[in-house]
Amino acid sequence: MDEIRKYINNFRKDHVENSRFSMRISEFISATKEAKGEKVAEVISVIFSYGYAKGYRACQAKLKKDGVLV
């Protein structure tokens, strides 16, 4: 977890998070409820995949906005 936090903190030094591409409170609550069961590792994996997908979409939106992606 320390490496993950360090990675995120380094990212935030140069970037501002766009709430449009962040986890919503309802999604967070849902993941928390799932993690209380026996599937903690699966929930963590899904959250990382979700973050990847959100980041990818944010990147695509930025490229499209900047006129790089047509």
N, C-alpha and C. Protein backbone atom coordinates (compact mmCIF):
# COMPACT_ATOMS: atom_id res chain seq x y z
N MET A 1 0.82 -1.19 0.00
CA MET A 1 0.00 0.00 0.00
C MET A 1 0.86 1.26 0.00
N ASP A 2 2.03 1.19 0.63
CA ASP A 2 2.88 2.38 0.66
C ASP A 2 3.30 2.79 -0.75
N GLU A 3 3.63 1.81 -1.57
CA GLU A 3 4.03 2.10 -2.96
C GLU A 3 2.87 2.73 -3.73
N ILE A 4 1.68 2.24 -3.50
CA ILE A 4 0.49 2.77 -4.18
C ILE A 4 0.25 4.21 -3.74
N ARG A 5 0.30 4.45 -2.45
CA ARG A 5 0.11 5.82 -1.94
C ARG A 5 1.18 6.77 -2.48
N LYS A 6 2.43 6.30 -2.52
CA LYS A 6 3.53 7.11 -3.04
C LYS A 6 3.29 7.44 -4.52
N TYR A 7 2.87 6.47 -5.28
CA TYR A 7 2.58 6.66 -6.70
C TYR A 7 1.49 7.71 -6.89
N ILE A 8 0.42 7.58 -6.11
CA ILE A 8 -0.70 8.52 -6.20
C ILE A 8 -0.24 9.92 -5.78
N ASN A 9 0.49 10.03 -4.69
CA ASN A 9 0.96 11.34 -4.22
C ASN A 9 1.89 12.01 -5.24
N ASN A 10 2.76 11.22 -5.86
CA ASN A 10 3.63 11.77 -6.90
C ASN A 10 2.81 12.26 -8.10
N PHE A 11 1.80 11.52 -8.44
CA PHE A 11 0.92 11.91 -9.55
C PHE A 11 0.22 13.23 -9.23
N ARG A 12 -0.27 13.36 -8.01
CA ARG A 12 -1.02 14.56 -7.60
C ARG A 12 -0.15 15.81 -7.52
N LYS A 13 1.17 15.65 -7.47
CA LYS A 13 2.05 16.82 -7.44
C LYS A 13 1.92 17.65 -8.72
N ASP A 14 1.70 16.97 -9.84
CA ASP A 14 1.65 17.65 -11.13
C ASP A 14 0.28 17.64 -11.79
N HIS A 15 -0.68 16.96 -11.18
CA HIS A 15 -1.99 16.81 -11.80
C HIS A 15 -3.11 17.08 -10.81
N VAL A 16 -4.19 17.64 -11.32
CA VAL A 16 -5.38 17.86 -10.50
C VAL A 16 -6.40 16.80 -10.90
N GLU A 17 -6.96 16.13 -9.90
CA GLU A 17 -7.95 15.10 -10.20
C GLU A 17 -9.25 15.73 -10.68
N ASN A 18 -9.80 15.18 -11.72
CA ASN A 18 -11.08 15.62 -12.25
C ASN A 18 -12.15 14.74 -11.62
N SER A 19 -13.06 15.34 -10.87
CA SER A 19 -14.07 14.56 -10.16
C SER A 19 -14.95 13.75 -11.10
N ARG A 20 -15.03 14.16 -12.34
CA ARG A 20 -15.83 13.41 -13.33
C ARG A 20 -15.28 11.99 -13.52
N PHE A 21 -13.98 11.84 -13.34
CA PHE A 21 -13.35 10.55 -13.56
C PHE A 21 -12.92 9.89 -12.26
N SER A 22 -13.41 10.38 -11.14
CA SER A 22 -13.10 9.81 -9.83
C SER A 22 -14.19 8.85 -9.38
N MET A 23 -13.89 8.10 -8.34
CA MET A 23 -14.87 7.18 -7.79
C MET A 23 -15.95 7.98 -7.05
N ARG A 24 -17.19 7.67 -7.33
CA ARG A 24 -18.30 8.34 -6.65
C ARG A 24 -18.51 7.69 -5.28
N ILE A 25 -19.16 8.42 -4.39
CA ILE A 25 -19.38 7.92 -3.03
C ILE A 25 -20.21 6.64 -3.05
N SER A 26 -21.19 6.56 -3.95
CA SER A 26 -22.01 5.35 -4.03
C SER A 26 -21.16 4.14 -4.46
N GLU A 27 -20.20 4.38 -5.35
CA GLU A 27 -19.31 3.31 -5.79
C GLU A 27 -18.38 2.89 -4.65
N PHE A 28 -17.92 3.87 -3.90
CA PHE A 28 -17.06 3.60 -2.75
C PHE A 28 -17.80 2.78 -1.70
N ILE A 29 -19.02 3.17 -1.39
CA ILE A 29 -19.82 2.44 -0.40
C ILE A 29 -20.08 1.02 -0.87
N SER A 30 -20.39 0.86 -2.14
CA SER A 30 -20.64 -0.47 -2.70
C SER A 30 -19.39 -1.35 -2.57
N ALA A 31 -18.23 -0.80 -2.89
CA ALA A 31 -16.98 -1.57 -2.79
C ALA A 31 -16.68 -1.92 -1.33
N THR A 32 -16.95 -0.99 -0.42
CA THR A 32 -16.72 -1.24 1.00
C THR A 32 -17.59 -2.38 1.50
N LYS A 33 -18.85 -2.38 1.09
CA LYS A 33 -19.76 -3.46 1.49
C LYS A 33 -19.28 -4.80 0.96
N GLU A 34 -18.85 -4.82 -0.30
CA GLU A 34 -18.35 -6.07 -0.89
C GLU A 34 -17.10 -6.56 -0.18
N ALA A 35 -16.22 -5.63 0.19
CA ALA A 35 -14.94 -6.00 0.82
C ALA A 35 -15.14 -6.59 2.21
N LYS A 36 -16.28 -6.35 2.84
CA LYS A 36 -16.55 -6.92 4.15
C LYS A 36 -16.83 -8.41 4.08
N GLY A 37 -17.11 -8.88 2.87
CA GLY A 37 -17.35 -10.30 2.68
C GLY A 37 -16.05 -11.05 2.53
N GLU A 38 -16.10 -12.14 1.81
CA GLU A 38 -14.92 -12.99 1.65
C GLU A 38 -14.12 -12.66 0.40
N LYS A 39 -14.54 -11.65 -0.34
CA LYS A 39 -13.94 -11.37 -1.63
C LYS A 39 -13.03 -10.14 -1.62
N VAL A 40 -12.29 -9.90 -0.57
CA VAL A 40 -11.48 -8.69 -0.45
C VAL A 40 -10.50 -8.54 -1.61
N ALA A 41 -9.77 -9.60 -1.95
CA ALA A 41 -8.80 -9.54 -3.04
C ALA A 41 -9.48 -9.23 -4.37
N GLU A 42 -10.64 -9.82 -4.59
CA GLU A 42 -11.37 -9.56 -5.83
C GLU A 42 -11.82 -8.10 -5.91
N VAL A 43 -12.30 -7.57 -4.79
CA VAL A 43 -12.74 -6.17 -4.75
C VAL A 43 -11.57 -5.24 -5.04
N ILE A 44 -10.42 -5.49 -4.45
CA ILE A 44 -9.23 -4.67 -4.70
C ILE A 44 -8.87 -4.73 -6.17
N SER A 45 -8.89 -5.90 -6.75
CA SER A 45 -8.58 -6.05 -8.17
C SER A 45 -9.56 -5.28 -9.05
N VAL A 46 -10.83 -5.37 -8.72
CA VAL A 46 -11.86 -4.66 -9.48
C VAL A 46 -11.65 -3.14 -9.37
N ILE A 47 -11.33 -2.67 -8.17
CA ILE A 47 -11.11 -1.23 -7.98
C ILE A 47 -9.92 -0.75 -8.81
N PHE A 48 -8.86 -1.52 -8.87
CA PHE A 48 -7.72 -1.14 -9.70
C PHE A 48 -8.10 -1.13 -11.17
N SER A 49 -8.84 -2.11 -11.62
CA SER A 49 -9.30 -2.14 -13.01
C SER A 49 -10.22 -0.96 -13.30
N TYR A 50 -11.06 -0.64 -12.34
CA TYR A 50 -11.97 0.49 -12.47
C TYR A 50 -11.17 1.79 -12.59
N GLY A 51 -10.15 1.93 -11.76
CA GLY A 51 -9.29 3.12 -11.83
C GLY A 51 -8.58 3.22 -13.17
N TYR A 52 -8.14 2.09 -13.69
CA TYR A 52 -7.49 2.08 -15.00
C TYR A 52 -8.46 2.55 -16.08
N ALA A 53 -9.67 2.01 -16.04
CA ALA A 53 -10.68 2.38 -17.03
C ALA A 53 -11.03 3.86 -16.92
N LYS A 54 -11.19 4.36 -15.70
CA LYS A 54 -11.50 5.78 -15.50
C LYS A 54 -10.35 6.64 -16.03
N GLY A 55 -9.12 6.25 -15.74
CA GLY A 55 -7.95 6.98 -16.21
C GLY A 55 -7.86 6.97 -17.73
N TYR A 56 -8.15 5.85 -18.32
CA TYR A 56 -8.13 5.74 -19.78
C TYR A 56 -9.15 6.67 -20.41
N ARG A 57 -10.36 6.68 -19.84
CA ARG A 57 -11.41 7.55 -20.36
C ARG A 57 -11.04 9.02 -20.19
N ALA A 58 -10.42 9.35 -19.06
CA ALA A 58 -9.98 10.73 -18.83
C ALA A 58 -8.94 11.14 -19.86
N CYS A 59 -8.03 10.23 -20.16
CA CYS A 59 -6.99 10.49 -21.16
C CYS A 59 -7.61 10.69 -22.54
N GLN A 60 -8.53 9.83 -22.90
CA GLN A 60 -9.20 9.95 -24.19
C GLN A 60 -9.95 11.27 -24.30
N ALA A 61 -10.63 11.68 -23.22
CA ALA A 61 -11.37 12.95 -23.22
C ALA A 61 -10.41 14.13 -23.40
N LYS A 62 -9.26 14.07 -22.72
CA LYS A 62 -8.27 15.15 -22.83
C LYS A 62 -7.71 15.22 -24.24
N LEU A 63 -7.39 14.07 -24.80
CA LEU A 63 -6.86 14.05 -26.16
C LEU A 63 -7.89 14.60 -27.15
N LYS A 64 -9.14 14.23 -26.97
CA LYS A 64 -10.20 14.71 -27.85
C LYS A 64 -10.37 16.23 -27.68
N LYS A 65 -10.34 16.72 -26.46
CA LYS A 65 -10.48 18.14 -26.17
C LYS A 65 -9.34 18.93 -26.81
N ASP A 66 -8.13 18.39 -26.74
CA ASP A 66 -6.96 19.06 -27.30
C ASP A 66 -6.85 18.90 -28.80
N GLY A 67 -7.76 18.16 -29.40
CA GLY A 67 -7.75 17.97 -30.85
C GLY A 67 -6.76 16.96 -31.34
N VAL A 68 -6.21 16.15 -30.46
CA VAL A 68 -5.22 15.14 -30.85
C VAL A 68 -5.91 13.87 -31.33
N LEU A 69 -7.03 13.56 -30.72
CA LEU A 69 -7.78 12.35 -31.04
C LEU A 69 -8.95 12.73 -31.94
N VAL A 70 -9.03 12.10 -33.09
CA VAL A 70 -10.12 12.42 -34.02
C VAL A 70 -11.02 11.26 -34.23
